[in-house]
Amino acid sequence: PATWNDPFVSGKDRKPLIIFSHGLGGFRTIYSSLCMELASYGFLVA
């Protein structure tokens, strides 16, 4: 329930950043439900 490569939200404000590390046997998208939720509250999540 997220789009692909859409433009970054407009404005001049700076967004807080979260770096996320997956578990053993995971990969970069296996926590998408959580990462998307945090991004929906204004965070950048890598």
All heavy atoms as atom14 arrays in JSON, in Angstrom:
{
  "sequence": "PATWNDPFVSGKDRKPLIIFSHGLGGFRTIYSSLCMELASYGFLVA",
  "atom14_mask": [
    [1, 1, 1, 1, 1, 1, 1, 0, 0, 0, 0, 0, 0, 0],
    [1, 1, 1, 1, 1, 0, 0, 0, 0, 0, 0, 0, 0, 0],
    [1, 1, 1, 1, 1, 1, 1, 0, 0, 0, 0, 0, 0, 0],
    [1, 1, 1, 1, 1, 1, 1, 1, 1, 1, 1, 1, 1, 1],
    [1, 1, 1, 1, 1, 1, 1, 1, 0, 0, 0, 0, 0, 0],
    [1, 1, 1, 1, 1, 1, 1, 1, 0, 0, 0, 0, 0, 0],
    [1, 1, 1, 1, 1, 1, 1, 0, 0, 0, 0, 0, 0, 0],
    [1, 1, 1, 1, 1, 1, 1, 1, 1, 1, 1, 0, 0, 0],
    [1, 1, 1, 1, 1, 1, 1, 0, 0, 0, 0, 0, 0, 0],
    [1, 1, 1, 1, 1, 1, 0, 0, 0, 0, 0, 0, 0, 0],
    [1, 1, 1, 1, 0, 0, 0, 0, 0, 0, 0, 0, 0, 0],
    [1, 1, 1, 1, 1, 1, 1, 1, 1, 0, 0, 0, 0, 0],
    [1, 1, 1, 1, 1, 1, 1, 1, 0, 0, 0, 0, 0, 0],
    [1, 1, 1, 1, 1, 1, 1, 1, 1, 1, 1, 0, 0, 0],
    [1, 1, 1, 1, 1, 1, 1, 1, 1, 0, 0, 0, 0, 0],
    [1, 1, 1, 1, 1, 1, 1, 0, 0, 0, 0, 0, 0, 0],
    [1, 1, 1, 1, 1, 1, 1, 1, 0, 0, 0, 0, 0, 0],
    [1, 1, 1, 1, 1, 1, 1, 1, 0, 0, 0, 0, 0, 0],
    [1, 1, 1, 1, 1, 1, 1, 1, 0, 0, 0, 0, 0, 0],
    [1, 1, 1, 1, 1, 1, 1, 1, 1, 1, 1, 0, 0, 0],
    [1, 1, 1, 1, 1, 1, 0, 0, 0, 0, 0, 0, 0, 0],
    [1, 1, 1, 1, 1, 1, 1, 1, 1, 1, 0, 0, 0, 0],
    [1, 1, 1, 1, 0, 0, 0, 0, 0, 0, 0, 0, 0, 0],
    [1, 1, 1, 1, 1, 1, 1, 1, 0, 0, 0, 0, 0, 0],
    [1, 1, 1, 1, 0, 0, 0, 0, 0, 0, 0, 0, 0, 0],
    [1, 1, 1, 1, 0, 0, 0, 0, 0, 0, 0, 0, 0, 0],
    [1, 1, 1, 1, 1, 1, 1, 1, 1, 1, 1, 0, 0, 0],
    [1, 1, 1, 1, 1, 1, 1, 1, 1, 1, 1, 0, 0, 0],
    [1, 1, 1, 1, 1, 1, 1, 0, 0, 0, 0, 0, 0, 0],
    [1, 1, 1, 1, 1, 1, 1, 1, 0, 0, 0, 0, 0, 0],
    [1, 1, 1, 1, 1, 1, 1, 1, 1, 1, 1, 1, 0, 0],
    [1, 1, 1, 1, 1, 1, 0, 0, 0, 0, 0, 0, 0, 0],
    [1, 1, 1, 1, 1, 1, 0, 0, 0, 0, 0, 0, 0, 0],
    [1, 1, 1, 1, 1, 1, 1, 1, 0, 0, 0, 0, 0, 0],
    [1, 1, 1, 1, 1, 1, 0, 0, 0, 0, 0, 0, 0, 0],
    [1, 1, 1, 1, 1, 1, 1, 1, 0, 0, 0, 0, 0, 0],
    [1, 1, 1, 1, 1, 1, 1, 1, 1, 0, 0, 0, 0, 0],
    [1, 1, 1, 1, 1, 1, 1, 1, 0, 0, 0, 0, 0, 0],
    [1, 1, 1, 1, 1, 0, 0, 0, 0, 0, 0, 0, 0, 0],
    [1, 1, 1, 1, 1, 1, 0, 0, 0, 0, 0, 0, 0, 0],
    [1, 1, 1, 1, 1, 1, 1, 1, 1, 1, 1, 1, 0, 0],
    [1, 1, 1, 1, 0, 0, 0, 0, 0, 0, 0, 0, 0, 0],
    [1, 1, 1, 1, 1, 1, 1, 1, 1, 1, 1, 0, 0, 0],
    [1, 1, 1, 1, 1, 1, 1, 1, 0, 0, 0, 0, 0, 0],
    [1, 1, 1, 1, 1, 1, 1, 0, 0, 0, 0, 0, 0, 0],
    [1, 1, 1, 1, 1, 0, 0, 0, 0, 0, 0, 0, 0, 0]
  ],
  "atom14_positions": [
    [[0.83, -1.21, 0.0], [0.0, 0.0, 0.0], [0.86, 1.26, 0.0], [0.69, 2.17, 0.79], [-0.82, -0.14, 1.28], [0.03, -0.95, 2.19], [0.78, -1.91, 1.3], [0.0, 0.0, 0.0], [0.0, 0.0, 0.0], [0.0, 0.0, 0.0], [0.0, 0.0, 0.0], [0.0, 0.0, 0.0], [0.0, 0.0, 0.0], [0.0, 0.0, 0.0]],
    [[1.85, 1.25, -0.88], [2.76, 2.38, -1.07], [3.07, 2.45, -2.56], [3.09, 1.43, -3.25], [4.05, 2.19, -0.27], [0.0, 0.0, 0.0], [0.0, 0.0, 0.0], [0.0, 0.0, 0.0], [0.0, 0.0, 0.0], [0.0, 0.0, 0.0], [0.0, 0.0, 0.0], [0.0, 0.0, 0.0], [0.0, 0.0, 0.0], [0.0, 0.0, 0.0]],
    [[3.31, 3.64, -3.06], [3.62, 3.8, -4.47], [5.11, 3.62, -4.72], [5.9, 3.48, -3.79], [3.16, 5.18, -4.98], [3.83, 6.2, -4.22], [1.66, 5.34, -4.82], [0.0, 0.0, 0.0], [0.0, 0.0, 0.0], [0.0, 0.0, 0.0], [0.0, 0.0, 0.0], [0.0, 0.0, 0.0], [0.0, 0.0, 0.0], [0.0, 0.0, 0.0]],
    [[5.48, 3.62, -5.99], [6.87, 3.37, -6.39], [7.44, 4.59, -7.08], [6.9, 5.06, -8.08], [6.9, 2.16, -7.31], [8.27, 1.74, -7.77], [8.76, 1.76, -9.04], [9.32, 1.23, -6.95], [10.05, 1.3, -9.07], [10.42, 0.96, -7.8], [9.44, 0.97, -5.58], [11.63, 0.45, -7.33], [10.65, 0.46, -5.11], [11.72, 0.2, -5.97]],
    [[8.48, 5.16, -6.49], [9.25, 6.25, -7.1], [8.47, 7.56, -7.28], [8.82, 8.37, -8.14], [9.79, 5.83, -8.48], [10.95, 4.86, -8.36], [11.63, 4.81, -7.34], [11.15, 4.06, -9.39], [0.0, 0.0, 0.0], [0.0, 0.0, 0.0], [0.0, 0.0, 0.0], [0.0, 0.0, 0.0], [0.0, 0.0, 0.0], [0.0, 0.0, 0.0]],
    [[7.42, 7.76, -6.49], [6.73, 9.04, -6.57], [7.61, 10.14, -5.99], [8.54, 9.87, -5.21], [5.41, 8.98, -5.81], [4.26, 8.55, -6.71], [4.45, 8.49, -7.93], [3.16, 8.28, -6.19], [0.0, 0.0, 0.0], [0.0, 0.0, 0.0], [0.0, 0.0, 0.0], [0.0, 0.0, 0.0], [0.0, 0.0, 0.0], [0.0, 0.0, 0.0]],
    [[7.36, 11.41, -6.35], [8.2, 12.5, -5.84], [8.14, 12.62, -4.32], [7.12, 12.34, -3.7], [7.58, 13.75, -6.51], [6.84, 13.24, -7.69], [6.34, 11.88, -7.3], [0.0, 0.0, 0.0], [0.0, 0.0, 0.0], [0.0, 0.0, 0.0], [0.0, 0.0, 0.0], [0.0, 0.0, 0.0], [0.0, 0.0, 0.0], [0.0, 0.0, 0.0]],
    [[9.25, 13.02, -3.77], [9.33, 13.29, -2.33], [8.35, 14.4, -1.97], [8.11, 15.31, -2.77], [10.76, 13.68, -1.95], [11.02, 13.78, -0.48], [10.84, 12.69, 0.35], [11.45, 14.97, 0.09], [11.09, 12.77, 1.71], [11.69, 15.07, 1.44], [11.51, 13.97, 2.25], [0.0, 0.0, 0.0], [0.0, 0.0, 0.0], [0.0, 0.0, 0.0]],
    [[7.78, 14.32, -0.78], [6.77, 15.29, -0.36], [7.32, 16.72, -0.51], [8.48, 17.0, -0.2], [6.31, 15.01, 1.08], [7.45, 15.22, 2.08], [5.11, 15.84, 1.45], [0.0, 0.0, 0.0], [0.0, 0.0, 0.0], [0.0, 0.0, 0.0], [0.0, 0.0, 0.0], [0.0, 0.0, 0.0], [0.0, 0.0, 0.0], [0.0, 0.0, 0.0]],
    [[6.48, 17.61, -1.0], [6.93, 18.97, -1.24], [7.09, 19.74, 0.06], [6.58, 19.32, 1.11], [5.93, 19.7, -2.15], [4.64, 19.72, -1.54], [0.0, 0.0, 0.0], [0.0, 0.0, 0.0], [0.0, 0.0, 0.0], [0.0, 0.0, 0.0], [0.0, 0.0, 0.0], [0.0, 0.0, 0.0], [0.0, 0.0, 0.0], [0.0, 0.0, 0.0]],
    [[7.78, 20.84, -0.01], [8.01, 21.66, 1.18], [9.49, 21.91, 1.38], [10.33, 21.48, 0.6], [0.0, 0.0, 0.0], [0.0, 0.0, 0.0], [0.0, 0.0, 0.0], [0.0, 0.0, 0.0], [0.0, 0.0, 0.0], [0.0, 0.0, 0.0], [0.0, 0.0, 0.0], [0.0, 0.0, 0.0], [0.0, 0.0, 0.0], [0.0, 0.0, 0.0]],
    [[9.8, 22.6, 2.47], [11.19, 22.91, 2.8], [11.61, 22.33, 4.15], [12.77, 22.47, 4.54], [11.4, 24.43, 2.81], [11.2, 25.08, 1.45], [11.51, 26.57, 1.49], [11.35, 27.19, 0.11], [11.66, 28.66, 0.12], [0.0, 0.0, 0.0], [0.0, 0.0, 0.0], [0.0, 0.0, 0.0], [0.0, 0.0, 0.0], [0.0, 0.0, 0.0]],
    [[10.68, 21.7, 4.84], [11.01, 21.15, 6.16], [11.87, 19.9, 6.02], [11.8, 19.17, 5.03], [9.73, 20.82, 6.94], [8.85, 19.81, 6.22], [8.73, 19.9, 4.98], [8.31, 18.91, 6.88], [0.0, 0.0, 0.0], [0.0, 0.0, 0.0], [0.0, 0.0, 0.0], [0.0, 0.0, 0.0], [0.0, 0.0, 0.0], [0.0, 0.0, 0.0]],
    [[12.7, 19.69, 7.01], [13.56, 18.51, 7.05], [12.85, 17.37, 7.79], [12.18, 17.6, 8.79], [14.89, 18.83, 7.74], [15.79, 19.77, 6.92], [17.08, 20.05, 7.64], [18.01, 20.84, 6.83], [18.94, 20.34, 6.03], [19.07, 19.02, 5.95], [19.73, 21.12, 5.34], [0.0, 0.0, 0.0], [0.0, 0.0, 0.0], [0.0, 0.0, 0.0]],
    [[13.02, 16.16, 7.3], [12.35, 15.0, 7.86], [13.31, 14.17, 8.71], [14.47, 13.98, 8.35], [11.79, 14.12, 6.74], [10.78, 14.82, 5.84], [9.55, 15.25, 6.61], [8.51, 15.86, 5.68], [7.34, 16.38, 6.43], [0.0, 0.0, 0.0], [0.0, 0.0, 0.0], [0.0, 0.0, 0.0], [0.0, 0.0, 0.0], [0.0, 0.0, 0.0]],
    [[12.83, 13.66, 9.86], [13.68, 12.77, 10.67], [13.93, 11.46, 9.94], [13.16, 11.05, 9.07], [12.83, 12.56, 11.94], [11.42, 12.81, 11.51], [11.5, 13.85, 10.44], [0.0, 0.0, 0.0], [0.0, 0.0, 0.0], [0.0, 0.0, 0.0], [0.0, 0.0, 0.0], [0.0, 0.0, 0.0], [0.0, 0.0, 0.0], [0.0, 0.0, 0.0]],
    [[15.04, 10.82, 10.3], [15.52, 9.64, 9.59], [15.61, 8.44, 10.53], [16.06, 8.57, 11.68], [16.9, 9.94, 8.99], [17.68, 8.77, 8.37], [16.96, 8.24, 7.13], [19.1, 9.22, 8.01], [0.0, 0.0, 0.0], [0.0, 0.0, 0.0], [0.0, 0.0, 0.0], [0.0, 0.0, 0.0], [0.0, 0.0, 0.0], [0.0, 0.0, 0.0]],
    [[15.19, 7.28, 10.03], [15.37, 6.0, 10.73], [16.15, 5.06, 9.82], [15.8, 4.89, 8.65], [14.02, 5.35, 11.09], [13.19, 6.26, 12.0], [14.23, 3.99, 11.76], [11.76, 5.78, 12.2], [0.0, 0.0, 0.0], [0.0, 0.0, 0.0], [0.0, 0.0, 0.0], [0.0, 0.0, 0.0], [0.0, 0.0, 0.0], [0.0, 0.0, 0.0]],
    [[17.21, 4.47, 10.35], [17.93, 3.4, 9.65], [17.42, 2.08, 10.23], [17.44, 1.9, 11.45], [19.45, 3.52, 9.84], [19.95, 4.88, 9.34], [20.17, 2.37, 9.14], [19.77, 5.11, 7.86], [0.0, 0.0, 0.0], [0.0, 0.0, 0.0], [0.0, 0.0, 0.0], [0.0, 0.0, 0.0], [0.0, 0.0, 0.0], [0.0, 0.0, 0.0]],
    [[16.97, 1.17, 9.36], [16.39, -0.1, 9.84], [17.24, -1.28, 9.4], [17.61, -1.39, 8.23], [14.96, -0.27, 9.32], [14.21, -1.36, 10.03], [13.38, -1.07, 11.09], [14.37, -2.69, 9.66], [12.71, -2.07, 11.78], [13.71, -3.71, 10.34], [12.87, -3.39, 11.39], [0.0, 0.0, 0.0], [0.0, 0.0, 0.0], [0.0, 0.0, 0.0]],
    [[17.51, -2.2, 10.36], [18.35, -3.37, 10.12], [17.51, -4.65, 10.25], [16.87, -4.88, 11.27], [19.51, -3.39, 11.13], [20.24, -4.58, 11.03], [0.0, 0.0, 0.0], [0.0, 0.0, 0.0], [0.0, 0.0, 0.0], [0.0, 0.0, 0.0], [0.0, 0.0, 0.0], [0.0, 0.0, 0.0], [0.0, 0.0, 0.0], [0.0, 0.0, 0.0]],
    [[17.53, -5.47, 9.19], [16.7, -6.69, 9.19], [17.32, -7.81, 10.01], [18.5, -7.78, 10.38], [16.44, -7.16, 7.75], [17.68, -7.61, 7.01], [18.33, -8.79, 7.28], [18.36, -7.05, 5.97], [19.35, -8.95, 6.46], [19.41, -7.9, 5.65], [0.0, 0.0, 0.0], [0.0, 0.0, 0.0], [0.0, 0.0, 0.0], [0.0, 0.0, 0.0]],
    [[16.52, -8.83, 10.27], [16.97, -9.99, 11.03], [17.67, -11.02, 10.17], [17.76, -10.9, 8.95], [0.0, 0.0, 0.0], [0.0, 0.0, 0.0], [0.0, 0.0, 0.0], [0.0, 0.0, 0.0], [0.0, 0.0, 0.0], [0.0, 0.0, 0.0], [0.0, 0.0, 0.0], [0.0, 0.0, 0.0], [0.0, 0.0, 0.0], [0.0, 0.0, 0.0]],
    [[18.17, -12.07, 10.82], [18.86, -13.16, 10.14], [17.9, -13.84, 9.16], [16.81, -14.26, 9.54], [19.38, -14.16, 11.17], [20.18, -15.36, 10.65], [21.47, -14.9, 9.97], [20.5, -16.32, 11.79], [0.0, 0.0, 0.0], [0.0, 0.0, 0.0], [0.0, 0.0, 0.0], [0.0, 0.0, 0.0], [0.0, 0.0, 0.0], [0.0, 0.0, 0.0]],
    [[18.31, -13.95, 7.91], [17.47, -14.57, 6.9], [16.45, -13.64, 6.29], [15.62, -14.07, 5.49], [0.0, 0.0, 0.0], [0.0, 0.0, 0.0], [0.0, 0.0, 0.0], [0.0, 0.0, 0.0], [0.0, 0.0, 0.0], [0.0, 0.0, 0.0], [0.0, 0.0, 0.0], [0.0, 0.0, 0.0], [0.0, 0.0, 0.0], [0.0, 0.0, 0.0]],
    [[16.5, -12.36, 6.64], [15.58, -11.39, 6.07], [16.19, -10.7, 4.86], [17.19, -11.13, 4.29], [0.0, 0.0, 0.0], [0.0, 0.0, 0.0], [0.0, 0.0, 0.0], [0.0, 0.0, 0.0], [0.0, 0.0, 0.0], [0.0, 0.0, 0.0], [0.0, 0.0, 0.0], [0.0, 0.0, 0.0], [0.0, 0.0, 0.0], [0.0, 0.0, 0.0]],
    [[15.58, -9.59, 4.45], [16.11, -8.75, 3.39], [15.45, -7.39, 3.51], [14.67, -7.14, 4.43], [15.91, -9.37, 1.99], [14.49, -9.74, 1.65], [13.75, -8.94, 0.8], [13.91, -10.89, 2.15], [12.45, -9.28, 0.47], [12.61, -11.24, 1.82], [11.87, -10.43, 0.99], [0.0, 0.0, 0.0], [0.0, 0.0, 0.0], [0.0, 0.0, 0.0]],
    [[15.73, -6.5, 2.57], [15.4, -5.09, 2.79], [13.91, -4.78, 2.81], [13.51, -3.72, 3.31], [16.08, -4.22, 1.72], [15.58, -4.41, 0.32], [16.43, -3.65, -0.68], [15.93, -3.72, -2.05], [16.09, -4.76, -2.86], [16.73, -5.83, -2.43], [15.6, -4.73, -4.09], [0.0, 0.0, 0.0], [0.0, 0.0, 0.0], [0.0, 0.0, 0.0]],
    [[13.06, -5.66, 2.29], [11.63, -5.34, 2.23], [10.78, -6.14, 3.21], [9.56, -5.98, 3.23], [11.07, -5.58, 0.8], [10.98, -6.98, 0.55], [11.95, -4.92, -0.24], [0.0, 0.0, 0.0], [0.0, 0.0, 0.0], [0.0, 0.0, 0.0], [0.0, 0.0, 0.0], [0.0, 0.0, 0.0], [0.0, 0.0, 0.0], [0.0, 0.0, 0.0]],
    [[11.39, -6.98, 4.03], [10.62, -7.91, 4.85], [9.94, -7.23, 6.04], [9.13, -7.85, 6.74], [11.54, -9.08, 5.32], [10.73, -10.29, 5.78], [12.47, -8.62, 6.43], [9.99, -10.99, 4.68], [0.0, 0.0, 0.0], [0.0, 0.0, 0.0], [0.0, 0.0, 0.0], [0.0, 0.0, 0.0], [0.0, 0.0, 0.0], [0.0, 0.0, 0.0]],
    [[10.25, -5.95, 6.26], [9.59, -5.18, 7.33], [8.82, -3.99, 6.74], [8.68, -2.96, 7.37], [10.62, -4.7, 8.36], [11.38, -5.84, 8.99], [12.57, -6.3, 8.41], [10.9, -6.49, 10.12], [13.25, -7.37, 8.96], [11.58, -7.56, 10.67], [12.75, -7.99, 10.09], [13.43, -9.06, 10.63], [0.0, 0.0, 0.0], [0.0, 0.0, 0.0]],
    [[8.31, -4.18, 5.53], [7.65, -3.07, 4.83], [6.44, -2.54, 5.58], [6.19, -1.33, 5.6], [7.23, -3.51, 3.42], [8.35, -3.76, 2.6], [0.0, 0.0, 0.0], [0.0, 0.0, 0.0], [0.0, 0.0, 0.0], [0.0, 0.0, 0.0], [0.0, 0.0, 0.0], [0.0, 0.0, 0.0], [0.0, 0.0, 0.0], [0.0, 0.0, 0.0]],
    [[5.66, -3.41, 6.21], [4.46, -2.96, 6.92], [4.83, -1.95, 8.0], [4.18, -0.91, 8.15], [3.71, -4.15, 7.52], [4.56, -4.96, 8.31], [0.0, 0.0, 0.0], [0.0, 0.0, 0.0], [0.0, 0.0, 0.0], [0.0, 0.0, 0.0], [0.0, 0.0, 0.0], [0.0, 0.0, 0.0], [0.0, 0.0, 0.0], [0.0, 0.0, 0.0]],
    [[5.88, -2.22, 8.74], [6.33, -1.32, 9.8], [6.98, -0.07, 9.22], [6.68, 1.06, 9.65], [7.32, -2.05, 10.71], [7.97, -1.24, 11.82], [6.92, -0.7, 12.79], [8.99, -2.08, 12.58], [0.0, 0.0, 0.0], [0.0, 0.0, 0.0], [0.0, 0.0, 0.0], [0.0, 0.0, 0.0], [0.0, 0.0, 0.0], [0.0, 0.0, 0.0]],
    [[7.86, -0.24, 8.24], [8.56, 0.92, 7.65], [7.58, 1.87, 6.98], [7.73, 3.1, 7.08], [9.61, 0.43, 6.66], [10.98, -0.49, 7.41], [0.0, 0.0, 0.0], [0.0, 0.0, 0.0], [0.0, 0.0, 0.0], [0.0, 0.0, 0.0], [0.0, 0.0, 0.0], [0.0, 0.0, 0.0], [0.0, 0.0, 0.0], [0.0, 0.0, 0.0]],
    [[6.57, 1.33, 6.29], [5.58, 2.19, 5.65], [4.79, 2.98, 6.69], [4.49, 4.16, 6.49], [4.63, 1.35, 4.8], [5.25, 0.78, 3.54], [4.05, -0.08, 2.48], [3.47, -1.39, 3.56], [0.0, 0.0, 0.0], [0.0, 0.0, 0.0], [0.0, 0.0, 0.0], [0.0, 0.0, 0.0], [0.0, 0.0, 0.0], [0.0, 0.0, 0.0]],
    [[4.43, 2.33, 7.79], [3.69, 3.02, 8.83], [4.49, 4.2, 9.39], [3.97, 5.3, 9.56], [3.35, 2.05, 9.97], [2.1, 1.23, 9.74], [0.86, 2.08, 9.93], [0.49, 2.82, 8.97], [0.25, 2.03, 11.0], [0.0, 0.0, 0.0], [0.0, 0.0, 0.0], [0.0, 0.0, 0.0], [0.0, 0.0, 0.0], [0.0, 0.0, 0.0]],
    [[5.77, 3.98, 9.65], [6.61, 5.06, 10.18], [6.74, 6.18, 9.16], [6.7, 7.37, 9.51], [7.97, 4.5, 10.58], [7.94, 3.49, 11.74], [9.31, 2.84, 11.91], [7.49, 4.14, 13.04], [0.0, 0.0, 0.0], [0.0, 0.0, 0.0], [0.0, 0.0, 0.0], [0.0, 0.0, 0.0], [0.0, 0.0, 0.0], [0.0, 0.0, 0.0]],
    [[6.89, 5.82, 7.89], [6.98, 6.85, 6.84], [5.67, 7.63, 6.72], [5.69, 8.82, 6.39], [7.33, 6.2, 5.51], [0.0, 0.0, 0.0], [0.0, 0.0, 0.0], [0.0, 0.0, 0.0], [0.0, 0.0, 0.0], [0.0, 0.0, 0.0], [0.0, 0.0, 0.0], [0.0, 0.0, 0.0], [0.0, 0.0, 0.0], [0.0, 0.0, 0.0]],
    [[4.55, 6.99, 7.01], [3.26, 7.69, 6.91], [3.12, 8.76, 7.99], [2.24, 9.61, 7.9], [2.1, 6.68, 6.99], [1.85, 6.25, 8.32], [0.0, 0.0, 0.0], [0.0, 0.0, 0.0], [0.0, 0.0, 0.0], [0.0, 0.0, 0.0], [0.0, 0.0, 0.0], [0.0, 0.0, 0.0], [0.0, 0.0, 0.0], [0.0, 0.0, 0.0]],
    [[3.98, 8.73, 8.99], [4.0, 9.77, 10.03], [5.14, 10.77, 9.81], [5.48, 11.53, 10.71], [4.08, 9.13, 11.41], [2.77, 8.5, 11.82], [2.53, 7.15, 11.61], [1.74, 9.27, 12.38], [1.32, 6.56, 11.95], [0.52, 8.7, 12.72], [0.32, 7.36, 12.51], [-0.9, 6.79, 12.83], [0.0, 0.0, 0.0], [0.0, 0.0, 0.0]],
    [[5.73, 10.75, 8.61], [6.67, 11.79, 8.25], [8.14, 11.43, 8.34], [9.0, 12.28, 8.13], [0.0, 0.0, 0.0], [0.0, 0.0, 0.0], [0.0, 0.0, 0.0], [0.0, 0.0, 0.0], [0.0, 0.0, 0.0], [0.0, 0.0, 0.0], [0.0, 0.0, 0.0], [0.0, 0.0, 0.0], [0.0, 0.0, 0.0], [0.0, 0.0, 0.0]],
    [[8.47, 10.16, 8.61], [9.86, 9.74, 8.7], [10.38, 9.26, 7.35], [9.64, 8.7, 6.54], [10.01, 8.58, 9.7], [9.84, 8.97, 11.13], [8.57, 9.0, 11.71], [10.92, 9.31, 11.92], [8.39, 9.36, 13.03], [10.76, 9.67, 13.24], [9.49, 9.7, 13.81], [0.0, 0.0, 0.0], [0.0, 0.0, 0.0], [0.0, 0.0, 0.0]],
    [[11.66, 9.48, 7.12], [12.39, 8.76, 6.09], [12.91, 7.48, 6.74], [13.5, 7.52, 7.82], [13.58, 9.58, 5.6], [13.33, 10.66, 4.56], [14.5, 11.62, 4.54], [13.15, 10.03, 3.19], [0.0, 0.0, 0.0], [0.0, 0.0, 0.0], [0.0, 0.0, 0.0], [0.0, 0.0, 0.0], [0.0, 0.0, 0.0], [0.0, 0.0, 0.0]],
    [[12.69, 6.34, 6.09], [13.13, 5.07, 6.65], [13.98, 4.35, 5.6], [13.48, 3.99, 4.53], [11.95, 4.17, 7.07], [12.47, 2.91, 7.75], [10.98, 4.91, 7.98], [0.0, 0.0, 0.0], [0.0, 0.0, 0.0], [0.0, 0.0, 0.0], [0.0, 0.0, 0.0], [0.0, 0.0, 0.0], [0.0, 0.0, 0.0], [0.0, 0.0, 0.0]],
    [[15.25, 4.15, 5.92], [16.16, 3.43, 5.03], [16.34, 2.02, 5.57], [17.0, 1.82, 6.6], [17.51, 4.14, 4.93], [0.0, 0.0, 0.0], [0.0, 0.0, 0.0], [0.0, 0.0, 0.0], [0.0, 0.0, 0.0], [0.0, 0.0, 0.0], [0.0, 0.0, 0.0], [0.0, 0.0, 0.0], [0.0, 0.0, 0.0], [0.0, 0.0, 0.0]]
  ]
}
